[in-house]
PDB file of N, CA and C in Angstrom:
ATOM      1  N   UNK A   1     -21.757  15.745  -2.232  1.00  0.00           N
ATOM      2  CA  UNK A   1     -22.586  15.843  -1.034  1.00  0.00           C
ATOM      3  C   UNK A   1     -23.165  17.236  -0.894  1.00  0.00           C
ATOM      4  N   UNK A   2     -24.354  17.287  -0.351  1.00  0.00           N
ATOM      5  CA  UNK A   2     -24.992  18.589  -0.163  1.00  0.00           C
ATOM      6  C   UNK A   2     -24.625  19.224   1.169  1.00  0.00           C
ATOM      7  N   UNK A   3     -23.940  18.492   2.040  1.00  0.00           N
ATOM      8  CA  UNK A   3     -23.534  19.030   3.340  1.00  0.00           C
ATOM      9  C   UNK A   3     -22.018  19.078   3.430  1.00  0.00           C
ATOM     10  N   UNK A   4     -21.544  19.995   4.252  1.00  0.00           N
ATOM     11  CA  UNK A   4     -20.099  20.191   4.399  1.00  0.00           C
ATOM     12  C   UNK A   4     -19.805  20.647   5.826  1.00  0.00           C
ATOM     13  N   UNK A   5     -18.649  20.251   6.350  1.00  0.00           N
ATOM     14  CA  UNK A   5     -18.165  20.819   7.610  1.00  0.00           C
ATOM     15  C   UNK A   5     -17.087  21.812   7.217  1.00  0.00           C
ATOM     16  N   UNK A   6     -17.263  23.061   7.645  1.00  0.00           N
ATOM     17  CA  UNK A   6     -16.359  24.125   7.232  1.00  0.00           C
ATOM     18  C   UNK A   6     -16.151  25.135   8.349  1.00  0.00           C
ATOM     19  N   UNK A   7     -15.022  25.829   8.303  1.00  0.00           N
ATOM     20  CA  UNK A   7     -14.746  26.903   9.262  1.00  0.00           C
ATOM     21  C   UNK A   7     -15.187  28.254   8.713  1.00  0.00           C
ATOM     22  N   UNK A   8     -15.626  28.297   7.473  1.00  0.00           N
ATOM     23  CA  UNK A   8     -15.947  29.566   6.805  1.00  0.00           C
ATOM     24  C   UNK A   8     -17.000  30.374   7.562  1.00  0.00           C
ATOM     25  N   UNK A   9     -18.093  29.743   7.953  1.00  0.00           N
ATOM     26  CA  UNK A   9     -19.178  30.465   8.623  1.00  0.00           C
ATOM     27  C   UNK A   9     -18.687  31.065   9.932  1.00  0.00           C
ATOM     28  N   UNK A  10     -17.976  30.287  10.732  1.00  0.00           N
ATOM     29  CA  UNK A  10     -17.474  30.817  11.996  1.00  0.00           C
ATOM     30  C   UNK A  10     -16.365  31.838  11.782  1.00  0.00           C
ATOM     31  N   UNK A  11     -15.574  31.676  10.755  1.00  0.00           N
ATOM     32  CA  UNK A  11     -14.549  32.669  10.444  1.00  0.00           C
ATOM     33  C   UNK A  11     -15.197  34.022  10.159  1.00  0.00           C
ATOM     34  N   UNK A  12     -16.265  34.003   9.389  1.00  0.00           N
ATOM     35  CA  UNK A  12     -16.985  35.241   9.067  1.00  0.00           C
ATOM     36  C   UNK A  12     -17.630  35.812  10.331  1.00  0.00           C
ATOM     37  N   UNK A  13     -18.389  34.975  11.047  1.00  0.00           N
ATOM     38  CA  UNK A  13     -19.078  35.454  12.250  1.00  0.00           C
ATOM     39  C   UNK A  13     -18.096  35.877  13.342  1.00  0.00           C
ATOM     40  N   UNK A  14     -16.969  35.182  13.450  1.00  0.00           N
ATOM     41  CA  UNK A  14     -15.967  35.548  14.448  1.00  0.00           C
ATOM     42  C   UNK A  14     -15.363  36.919  14.175  1.00  0.00           C
ATOM     43  N   UNK A  15     -15.470  37.395  12.948  1.00  0.00           N
ATOM     44  CA  UNK A  15     -14.900  38.708  12.621  1.00  0.00           C
ATOM     45  C   UNK A  15     -15.684  39.843  13.276  1.00  0.00           C
ATOM     46  N   UNK A  16     -16.923  39.570  13.703  1.00  0.00           N
ATOM     47  CA  UNK A  16     -17.705  40.624  14.360  1.00  0.00           C
ATOM     48  C   UNK A  16     -18.315  40.192  15.700  1.00  0.00           C
ATOM     49  N   UNK A  17     -18.144  38.955  16.098  1.00  0.00           N
ATOM     50  CA  UNK A  17     -18.655  38.481  17.394  1.00  0.00           C
ATOM     51  C   UNK A  17     -17.826  39.043  18.545  1.00  0.00           C
ATOM     52  N   UNK A  18     -18.499  39.321  19.647  1.00  0.00           N
ATOM     53  CA  UNK A  18     -17.782  39.751  20.843  1.00  0.00           C
ATOM     54  C   UNK A  18     -16.962  38.588  21.420  1.00  0.00           C
ATOM     55  N   UNK A  19     -17.529  37.365  21.348  1.00  0.00           N
ATOM     56  CA  UNK A  19     -16.835  36.176  21.845  1.00  0.00           C
ATOM     57  C   UNK A  19     -16.761  35.156  20.720  1.00  0.00           C
ATOM     58  N   UNK A  20     -15.659  35.127  19.978  1.00  0.00           N
ATOM     59  CA  UNK A  20     -15.545  34.178  18.862  1.00  0.00           C
ATOM     60  C   UNK A  20     -15.438  32.731  19.336  1.00  0.00           C
ATOM     61  N   UNK A  21     -15.882  31.822  18.444  1.00  0.00           N
ATOM     62  CA  UNK A  21     -15.712  30.405  18.718  1.00  0.00           C
ATOM     63  C   UNK A  21     -14.229  30.082  18.674  1.00  0.00           C
ATOM     64  N   UNK A  22     -13.702  29.375  19.691  1.00  0.00           N
ATOM     65  CA  UNK A  22     -12.273  29.040  19.692  1.00  0.00           C
ATOM     66  C   UNK A  22     -11.979  27.782  18.877  1.00  0.00           C
ATOM     67  N   UNK A  23     -10.754  27.659  18.435  1.00  0.00           N
ATOM     68  CA  UNK A  23     -10.276  26.430  17.824  1.00  0.00           C
ATOM     69  C   UNK A  23     -10.321  25.355  18.902  1.00  0.00           C
ATOM     70  N   UNK A  24     -10.676  24.152  18.702  1.00  0.00           N
ATOM     71  CA  UNK A  24     -11.062  23.465  17.478  1.00  0.00           C
ATOM     72  C   UNK A  24     -12.567  23.435  17.254  1.00  0.00           C
ATOM     73  N   UNK A  25     -13.306  24.282  17.952  1.00  0.00           N
ATOM     74  CA  UNK A  25     -14.767  24.264  17.856  1.00  0.00           C
ATOM     75  C   UNK A  25     -15.294  25.232  16.813  1.00  0.00           C
ATOM     76  N   UNK A  26     -14.416  25.783  16.010  1.00  0.00           N
ATOM     77  CA  UNK A  26     -14.775  26.840  15.049  1.00  0.00           C
ATOM     78  C   UNK A  26     -15.117  26.283  13.675  1.00  0.00           C
ATOM     79  N   UNK A  27     -15.982  25.290  13.655  1.00  0.00           N
ATOM     80  CA  UNK A  27     -16.456  24.778  12.372  1.00  0.00           C
ATOM     81  C   UNK A  27     -17.932  24.428  12.516  1.00  0.00           C
ATOM     82  N   UNK A  28     -18.613  24.424  11.386  1.00  0.00           N
ATOM     83  CA  UNK A  28     -20.051  24.153  11.398  1.00  0.00           C
ATOM     84  C   UNK A  28     -20.399  23.173  10.295  1.00  0.00           C
ATOM     85  N   UNK A  29     -21.340  22.299  10.591  1.00  0.00           N
ATOM     86  CA  UNK A  29     -21.920  21.450   9.564  1.00  0.00           C
ATOM     87  C   UNK A  29     -23.059  22.235   8.930  1.00  0.00           C
ATOM     88  N   UNK A  30     -22.984  22.468   7.633  1.00  0.00           N
ATOM     89  CA  UNK A  30     -23.997  23.263   6.943  1.00  0.00           C
ATOM     90  C   UNK A  30     -24.368  22.624   5.612  1.00  0.00           C
ATOM     91  N   UNK A  31     -25.498  23.058   5.074  1.00  0.00           N
ATOM     92  CA  UNK A  31     -25.866  22.680   3.714  1.00  0.00           C
ATOM     93  C   UNK A  31     -25.048  23.580   2.793  1.00  0.00           C
ATOM     94  N   UNK A  32     -24.404  22.976   1.797  1.00  0.00           N
ATOM     95  CA  UNK A  32     -23.594  23.764   0.858  1.00  0.00           C
ATOM     96  C   UNK A  32     -24.423  24.873   0.229  1.00  0.00           C
ATOM     97  N   UNK A  33     -23.775  26.009   0.021  1.00  0.00           N
ATOM     98  CA  UNK A  33     -24.414  27.114  -0.684  1.00  0.00           C
ATOM     99  C   UNK A  33     -23.329  27.887  -1.439  1.00  0.00           C
ATOM    100  N   UNK A  34     -23.714  28.969  -2.073  1.00  0.00           N
ATOM    101  CA  UNK A  34     -22.756  29.743  -2.880  1.00  0.00           C
ATOM    102  C   UNK A  34     -21.592  30.247  -2.030  1.00  0.00           C
ATOM    103  N   UNK A  35     -21.881  30.679  -0.802  1.00  0.00           N
ATOM    104  CA  UNK A  35     -20.824  31.199   0.065  1.00  0.00           C
ATOM    105  C   UNK A  35     -19.814  30.121   0.433  1.00  0.00           C
ATOM    106  N   UNK A  36     -20.298  28.965   0.866  1.00  0.00           N
ATOM    107  CA  UNK A  36     -19.362  27.899   1.242  1.00  0.00           C
ATOM    108  C   UNK A  36     -18.598  27.393   0.024  1.00  0.00           C
ATOM    109  N   UNK A  37     -19.258  27.323  -1.122  1.00  0.00           N
ATOM    110  CA  UNK A  37     -18.566  26.893  -2.342  1.00  0.00           C
ATOM    111  C   UNK A  37     -17.466  27.868  -2.735  1.00  0.00           C
ATOM    112  N   UNK A  38     -17.721  29.141  -2.511  1.00  0.00           N
ATOM    113  CA  UNK A  38     -16.729  30.162  -2.880  1.00  0.00           C
ATOM    114  C   UNK A  38     -15.522  30.177  -1.946  1.00  0.00           C
ATOM    115  N   UNK A  39     -15.741  29.956  -0.627  1.00  0.00           N
ATOM    116  CA  UNK A  39     -14.670  30.203   0.334  1.00  0.00           C
ATOM    117  C   UNK A  39     -14.121  28.981   1.041  1.00  0.00           C
ATOM    118  N   UNK A  40     -14.790  27.854   1.037  1.00  0.00           N
ATOM    119  CA  UNK A  40     -14.244  26.688   1.732  1.00  0.00           C
ATOM    120  C   UNK A  40     -12.916  26.285   1.105  1.00  0.00           C
ATOM    121  N   UNK A  41     -11.898  26.142   1.946  1.00  0.00           N
ATOM    122  CA  UNK A  41     -10.556  25.817   1.463  1.00  0.00           C
ATOM    123  C   UNK A  41      -9.751  27.037   1.056  1.00  0.00           C
ATOM    124  N   UNK A  42     -10.362  28.213   1.145  1.00  0.00           N
ATOM    125  CA  UNK A  42      -9.681  29.461   0.770  1.00  0.00           C
ATOM    126  C   UNK A  42      -9.742  30.455   1.932  1.00  0.00           C
ATOM    127  N   UNK A  43      -9.591  29.938   3.159  1.00  0.00           N
ATOM    128  CA  UNK A  43      -9.766  30.746   4.347  1.00  0.00           C
ATOM    129  C   UNK A  43      -8.776  31.910   4.434  1.00  0.00           C
ATOM    130  N   UNK A  44      -7.540  31.711   3.974  1.00  0.00           N
ATOM    131  CA  UNK A  44      -6.567  32.822   4.024  1.00  0.00           C
ATOM    132  C   UNK A  44      -6.956  33.923   3.039  1.00  0.00           C
ATOM    133  N   UNK A  45      -7.513  33.551   1.896  1.00  0.00           N
ATOM    134  CA  UNK A  45      -7.996  34.565   0.939  1.00  0.00           C
ATOM    135  C   UNK A  45      -9.216  35.284   1.520  1.00  0.00           C
ATOM    136  N   UNK A  46     -10.052  34.552   2.242  1.00  0.00           N
ATOM    137  CA  UNK A  46     -11.227  35.144   2.869  1.00  0.00           C
ATOM    138  C   UNK A  46     -10.822  36.211   3.874  1.00  0.00           C
ATOM    139  N   UNK A  47      -9.742  35.969   4.616  1.00  0.00           N
ATOM    140  CA  UNK A  47      -9.272  36.958   5.592  1.00  0.00           C
ATOM    141  C   UNK A  47      -9.036  38.323   4.962  1.00  0.00           C
ATOM    142  N   UNK A  48      -8.582  38.342   3.717  1.00  0.00           N
ATOM    143  CA  UNK A  48      -8.266  39.599   3.036  1.00  0.00           C
ATOM    144  C   UNK A  48      -9.507  40.445   2.746  1.00  0.00           C
ATOM    145  N   UNK A  49     -10.685  39.803   2.659  1.00  0.00           N
ATOM    146  CA  UNK A  49     -11.923  40.525   2.325  1.00  0.00           C
ATOM    147  C   UNK A  49     -13.015  40.276   3.364  1.00  0.00           C
ATOM    148  N   UNK A  50     -12.596  39.926   4.582  1.00  0.00           N
ATOM    149  CA  UNK A  50     -13.539  39.476   5.592  1.00  0.00           C
ATOM    150  C   UNK A  50     -14.611  40.515   5.926  1.00  0.00           C
ATOM    151  N   UNK A  51     -14.251  41.789   5.977  1.00  0.00           N
ATOM    152  CA  UNK A  51     -15.245  42.814   6.344  1.00  0.00           C
ATOM    153  C   UNK A  51     -16.347  42.914   5.301  1.00  0.00           C
ATOM    154  N   UNK A  52     -15.973  42.864   4.030  1.00  0.00           N
ATOM    155  CA  UNK A  52     -16.959  42.924   2.944  1.00  0.00           C
ATOM    156  C   UNK A  52     -17.866  41.691   2.960  1.00  0.00           C
ATOM    157  N   UNK A  53     -17.262  40.518   3.109  1.00  0.00           N
ATOM    158  CA  UNK A  53     -18.031  39.272   3.115  1.00  0.00           C
ATOM    159  C   UNK A  53     -18.923  39.212   4.355  1.00  0.00           C
ATOM    160  N   UNK A  54     -18.410  39.669   5.501  1.00  0.00           N
ATOM    161  CA  UNK A  54     -19.205  39.661   6.735  1.00  0.00           C
ATOM    162  C   UNK A  54     -20.434  40.556   6.598  1.00  0.00           C
ATOM    163  N   UNK A  55     -20.286  41.695   5.943  1.00  0.00           N
ATOM    164  CA  UNK A  55     -21.425  42.594   5.740  1.00  0.00           C
ATOM    165  C   UNK A  55     -22.490  41.920   4.867  1.00  0.00           C
ATOM    166  N   UNK A  56     -22.068  41.244   3.798  1.00  0.00           N
ATOM    167  CA  UNK A  56     -23.015  40.521   2.938  1.00  0.00           C
ATOM    168  C   UNK A  56     -23.677  39.371   3.693  1.00  0.00           C
ATOM    169  N   UNK A  57     -22.876  38.692   4.518  1.00  0.00           N
ATOM    170  CA  UNK A  57     -23.377  37.560   5.297  1.00  0.00           C
ATOM    171  C   UNK A  57     -24.437  38.022   6.300  1.00  0.00           C
ATOM    172  N   UNK A  58     -24.165  39.104   7.025  1.00  0.00           N
ATOM    173  CA  UNK A  58     -25.135  39.614   8.003  1.00  0.00           C
ATOM    174  C   UNK A  58     -26.430  40.029   7.319  1.00  0.00           C
ATOM    175  N   UNK A  59     -26.311  40.696   6.181  1.00  0.00           N
ATOM    176  CA  UNK A  59     -27.502  41.122   5.435  1.00  0.00           C
ATOM    177  C   UNK A  59     -28.294  39.904   4.966  1.00  0.00           C
ATOM    178  N   UNK A  60     -27.596  38.927   4.418  1.00  0.00           N
ATOM    179  CA  UNK A  60     -28.261  37.705   3.942  1.00  0.00           C
ATOM    180  C   UNK A  60     -28.948  36.970   5.081  1.00  0.00           C
ATOM    181  N   UNK A  61     -28.323  36.931   6.253  1.00  0.00           N
ATOM    182  CA  UNK A  61     -28.920  36.267   7.416  1.00  0.00           C
ATOM    183  C   UNK A  61     -30.210  36.965   7.828  1.00  0.00           C
ATOM    184  N   UNK A  62     -30.207  38.288   7.813  1.00  0.00           N
ATOM    185  CA  UNK A  62     -31.406  39.051   8.180  1.00  0.00           C
ATOM    186  C   UNK A  62     -32.517  38.873   7.160  1.00  0.00           C
ATOM    187  N   UNK A  63     -32.149  38.749   5.886  1.00  0.00           N
ATOM    188  CA  UNK A  63     -33.141  38.649   4.812  1.00  0.00           C
ATOM    189  C   UNK A  63     -33.533  37.209   4.483  1.00  0.00           C
ATOM    190  N   UNK A  64     -32.855  36.238   5.102  1.00  0.00           N
ATOM    191  CA  UNK A  64     -33.159  34.836   4.825  1.00  0.00           C
ATOM    192  C   UNK A  64     -32.638  34.354   3.484  1.00  0.00           C
ATOM    193  N   UNK A  65     -31.587  34.985   2.983  1.00  0.00           N
ATOM    194  CA  UNK A  65     -30.980  34.591   1.705  1.00  0.00           C
ATOM    195  C   UNK A  65     -30.050  33.413   1.956  1.00  0.00           C
ATOM    196  N   UNK A  66     -30.540  32.201   1.709  1.00  0.00           N
ATOM    197  CA  UNK A  66     -29.780  30.998   2.032  1.00  0.00           C
ATOM    198  C   UNK A  66     -28.715  30.647   1.008  1.00  0.00           C
ATOM    199  N   UNK A  67     -28.562  31.474  -0.023  1.00  0.00           N
ATOM    200  CA  UNK A  67     -27.421  31.275  -0.920  1.00  0.00           C
ATOM    201  C   UNK A  67     -26.150  31.801  -0.263  1.00  0.00           C
ATOM    202  N   UNK A  68     -26.331  32.643   0.775  1.00  0.00           N
ATOM    203  CA  UNK A  68     -25.196  33.193   1.517  1.00  0.00           C
ATOM    204  C   UNK A  68     -25.261  32.792   2.987  1.00  0.00           C
ATOM    205  N   UNK A  69     -26.411  32.984   3.619  1.00  0.00           N
ATOM    206  CA  UNK A  69     -26.567  32.572   5.016  1.00  0.00           C
ATOM    207  C   UNK A  69     -26.599  31.047   5.068  1.00  0.00           C
ATOM    208  N   UNK A  70     -26.290  30.514   6.237  1.00  0.00           N
ATOM    209  CA  UNK A  70     -26.182  29.062   6.349  1.00  0.00           C
ATOM    210  C   UNK A  70     -27.459  28.414   6.833  1.00  0.00           C
ATOM    211  N   UNK A  71     -27.575  27.135   6.493  1.00  0.00           N
ATOM    212  CA  UNK A  71     -28.556  26.238   7.093  1.00  0.00           C
ATOM    213  C   UNK A  71     -27.713  25.185   7.789  1.00  0.00           C
ATOM    214  N   UNK A  72     -27.775  25.176   9.119  1.00  0.00           N
ATOM    215  CA  UNK A  72     -26.987  24.199   9.859  1.00  0.00           C
ATOM    216  C   UNK A  72     -27.520  22.800   9.600  1.00  0.00           C
ATOM    217  N   UNK A  73     -26.602  21.839   9.571  1.00  0.00           N
ATOM    218  CA  UNK A  73     -27.006  20.450   9.379  1.00  0.00           C
ATOM    219  C   UNK A  73     -26.044  19.548  10.137  1.00  0.00           C
ATOM    220  N   UNK A  74     -26.578  18.440  10.586  1.00  0.00           N
ATOM    221  CA  UNK A  74     -25.757  17.462  11.281  1.00  0.00           C
ATOM    222  C   UNK A  74     -25.645  16.204  10.460  1.00  0.00           C
ATOM    223  N   UNK A  75     -25.071  15.192  11.041  1.00  0.00           N
ATOM    224  CA  UNK A  75     -24.877  13.938  10.324  1.00  0.00           C
ATOM    225  C   UNK A  75     -26.198  13.317   9.893  1.00  0.00           C
ATOM    226  N   UNK A  76     -27.243  13.545  10.651  1.00  0.00           N
ATOM    227  CA  UNK A  76     -28.533  12.943  10.360  1.00  0.00           C
ATOM    228  C   UNK A  76     -29.171  13.435   9.084  1.00  0.00           C
ATOM    229  N   UNK A  77     -28.745  14.579   8.580  1.00  0.00           N
ATOM    230  CA  UNK A  77     -29.334  15.120   7.354  1.00  0.00           C
ATOM    231  C   UNK A  77     -29.200  14.130   6.201  1.00  0.00           C
ATOM    232  N   UNK A  78     -28.083  13.449   6.150  1.00  0.00           N
ATOM    233  CA  UNK A  78     -27.870  12.479   5.085  1.00  0.00           C
ATOM    234  C   UNK A  78     -28.776  11.264   5.177  1.00  0.00           C
ATOM    235  N   UNK A  79     -29.376  11.047   6.344  1.00  0.00           N
ATOM    236  CA  UNK A  79     -30.260   9.903   6.534  1.00  0.00           C
ATOM    237  C   UNK A  79     -31.701  10.184   6.133  1.00  0.00           C
ATOM    238  N   UNK A  80     -32.032  11.416   5.840  1.00  0.00           N
ATOM    239  CA  UNK A  80     -33.398  11.764   5.446  1.00  0.00           C
ATOM    240  C   UNK A  80     -33.616  11.302   4.014  1.00  0.00           C
ATOM    241  N   UNK A  81     -34.628  10.448   3.836  1.00  0.00           N
ATOM    242  CA  UNK A  81     -34.875   9.930   2.485  1.00  0.00           C
ATOM    243  C   UNK A  81     -36.276  10.272   1.990  1.00  0.00           C
ATOM    244  N   UNK A  82     -37.105  10.888   2.848  1.00  0.00           N
ATOM    245  CA  UNK A  82     -38.429  11.300   2.411  1.00  0.00           C
ATOM    246  C   UNK A  82     -38.958  12.387   3.345  1.00  0.00           C
ATOM    247  N   UNK A  83     -39.902  13.137   2.855  1.00  0.00           N
ATOM    248  CA  UNK A  83     -40.573  14.142   3.665  1.00  0.00           C
ATOM    249  C   UNK A  83     -42.048  13.760   3.670  1.00  0.00           C
ATOM    250  N   UNK A  84     -42.477  13.241   4.814  1.00  0.00           N
ATOM    251  CA  UNK A  84     -43.829  12.712   4.933  1.00  0.00           C
ATOM    252  C   UNK A  84     -44.711  13.651   5.752  1.00  0.00           C
ATOM    253  N   UNK A  85     -46.010  13.588   5.531  1.00  0.00           N
ATOM    254  CA  UNK A  85     -46.928  14.381   6.352  1.00  0.00           C
ATOM    255  C   UNK A  85     -46.832  13.962   7.817  1.00  0.00           C
ATOM    256  N   UNK A  86     -47.036  14.916   8.725  1.00  0.00           N
ATOM    257  CA  UNK A  86     -46.938  14.639  10.157  1.00  0.00           C
ATOM    258  C   UNK A  86     -47.881  13.516  10.579  1.00  0.00           C
ATOM    259  N   UNK A  87     -49.092  13.497  10.026  1.00  0.00           N
ATOM    260  CA  UNK A  87     -50.062  12.450  10.372  1.00  0.00           C
ATOM    261  C   UNK A  87     -49.491  11.065  10.079  1.00  0.00           C
ATOM    262  N   UNK A  88     -48.862  10.911   8.903  1.00  0.00           N
ATOM    263  CA  UNK A  88     -48.302   9.612   8.522  1.00  0.00           C
ATOM    264  C   UNK A  88     -47.168   9.206   9.463  1.00  0.00           C
ATOM    265  N   UNK A  89     -46.355  10.164   9.836  1.00  0.00           N
ATOM    266  CA  UNK A  89     -45.233   9.878  10.741  1.00  0.00           C
ATOM    267  C   UNK A  89     -45.762   9.427  12.102  1.00  0.00           C
ATOM    268  N   UNK A  90     -46.736  10.160  12.639  1.00  0.00           N
ATOM    269  CA  UNK A  90     -47.288   9.812  13.948  1.00  0.00           C
ATOM    270  C   UNK A  90     -48.020   8.473  13.919  1.00  0.00           C
ATOM    271  N   UNK A  91     -48.707   8.188  12.839  1.00  0.00           N
ATOM    272  CA  UNK A  91     -49.393   6.904  12.703  1.00  0.00           C
ATOM    273  C   UNK A  91     -48.377   5.766  12.704  1.00  0.00           C
ATOM    274  N   UNK A  92     -47.276   5.952  11.997  1.00  0.00           N
ATOM    275  CA  UNK A  92     -46.230   4.931  11.948  1.00  0.00           C
ATOM    276  C   UNK A  92     -45.604   4.731  13.336  1.00  0.00           C
ATOM    277  N   UNK A  93     -45.318   5.832  14.035  1.00  0.00           N
ATOM    278  CA  UNK A  93     -44.740   5.737  15.385  1.00  0.00           C
ATOM    279  C   UNK A  93     -45.703   5.018  16.319  1.00  0.00           C
ATOM    280  N   UNK A  94     -46.986   5.373  16.232  1.00  0.00           N
ATOM    281  CA  UNK A  94     -48.008   4.738  17.063  1.00  0.00           C
ATOM    282  C   UNK A  94     -48.047   3.229  16.812  1.00  0.00           C
ATOM    283  N   UNK A  95     -48.052   2.828  15.548  1.00  0.00           N
ATOM    284  CA  UNK A  95     -48.097   1.396  15.211  1.00  0.00           C
ATOM    285  C   UNK A  95     -46.850   0.674  15.734  1.00  0.00           C
ATOM    286  N   UNK A  96     -45.676   1.293  15.555  1.00  0.00           N
ATOM    287  CA  UNK A  96     -44.441   0.672  16.036  1.00  0.00           C
ATOM    288  C   UNK A  96     -44.466   0.513  17.549  1.00  0.00           C
ATOM    289  N   UNK A  97     -44.953   1.547  18.247  1.00  0.00           N
ATOM    290  CA  UNK A  97     -45.019   1.477  19.707  1.00  0.00           C
ATOM    291  C   UNK A  97     -45.976   0.373  20.159  1.00  0.00           C
ATOM    292  N   UNK A  98     -47.142   0.291  19.510  1.00  0.00           N
ATOM    293  CA  UNK A  98     -48.125  -0.759  19.860  1.00  0.00           C
ATOM    294  C   UNK A  98     -47.541  -2.154  19.608  1.00  0.00           C
ATOM    295  N   UNK A  99     -46.848  -2.321  18.488  1.00  0.00           N
ATOM    296  CA  UNK A  99     -46.239  -3.617  18.178  1.00  0.00           C
ATOM    297  C   UNK A  99     -45.197  -4.001  19.231  1.00  0.00           C
ATOM    298  N   UNK A 100     -44.421  -3.037  19.664  1.00  0.00           N
ATOM    299  CA  UNK A 100     -43.405  -3.307  20.695  1.00  0.00           C
ATOM    300  C   UNK A 100     -44.074  -3.687  22.008  1.00  0.00           C
ATOM    301  N   UNK A 101     -45.095  -2.921  22.380  1.00  0.00           N
ATOM    302  CA  UNK A 101     -45.792  -3.216  23.633  1.00  0.00           C
ATOM    303  C   UNK A 101     -46.459  -4.589  23.591  1.00  0.00           C
ATOM    304  N   UNK A 102     -47.027  -4.965  22.458  1.00  0.00           N
ATOM    305  CA  UNK A 102     -47.663  -6.282  22.327  1.00  0.00           C
ATOM    306  C   UNK A 102     -46.641  -7.410  22.461  1.00  0.00           C
ATOM    307  N   UNK A 103     -45.410  -7.161  22.051  1.00  0.00           N
ATOM    308  CA  UNK A 103     -44.389  -8.209  22.092  1.00  0.00           C
ATOM    309  C   UNK A 103     -43.740  -8.338  23.469  1.00  0.00           C
ATOM    310  N   UNK A 104     -43.967  -7.404  24.374  1.00  0.00           N
ATOM    311  CA  UNK A 104     -43.321  -7.457  25.688  1.00  0.00           C
ATOM    312  C   UNK A 104     -43.685  -8.693  26.499  1.00  0.00           C
ATOM    313  N   UNK A 105     -44.948  -9.125  26.549  1.00  0.00           N
ATOM    314  CA  UNK A 105     -45.250 -10.340  27.334  1.00  0.00           C
ATOM    315  C   UNK A 105     -44.448 -11.552  26.868  1.00  0.00           C
ATOM    316  N   UNK A 106     -44.145 -11.628  25.596  1.00  0.00           N
ATOM    317  CA  UNK A 106     -43.366 -12.767  25.082  1.00  0.00           C
ATOM    318  C   UNK A 106     -41.949 -12.754  25.654  1.00  0.00           C
ATOM    319  N   UNK A 107     -41.444 -11.557  25.956  1.00  0.00           N
ATOM    320  CA  UNK A 107     -40.092 -11.468  26.521  1.00  0.00           C
ATOM    321  C   UNK A 107     -40.053 -12.000  27.963  1.00  0.00           C
ATOM    322  N   UNK A 108     -41.192 -11.942  28.651  1.00  0.00           N
ATOM    323  CA  UNK A 108     -41.246 -12.363  30.035  1.00  0.00           C
ATOM    324  C   UNK A 108     -41.505 -13.850  30.208  1.00  0.00           C
ATOM    325  N   UNK A 109     -41.817 -14.552  29.137  1.00  0.00           N
ATOM    326  CA  UNK A 109     -42.108 -15.999  29.218  1.00  0.00           C
ATOM    327  C   UNK A 109     -40.863 -16.795  29.478  1.00  0.00           C
TER     328      UNK A 109
END
């Protein structure tokens, strides 16, 4: 899977946040990257080098380096099967809405 729920991102960010995320809310759904692959499941080892990793993470976040910074994702990410132009999406929504509206009188019969 390309997505993972992990505590790694919040563990890193909590090391420098004024108000850390509390347990059990200290996990994030993210797209897998080099950072999550390296540290997920190794949280106690991460604690030993947290300051170094946090510095790299902050720099990557500022520079948009998504091999280290995260891209948040939810359950719906797995449902995406195509990337269509906005015009096509709106045309499809419009047609579906019109079809639904046309069928409403039949419901009242």
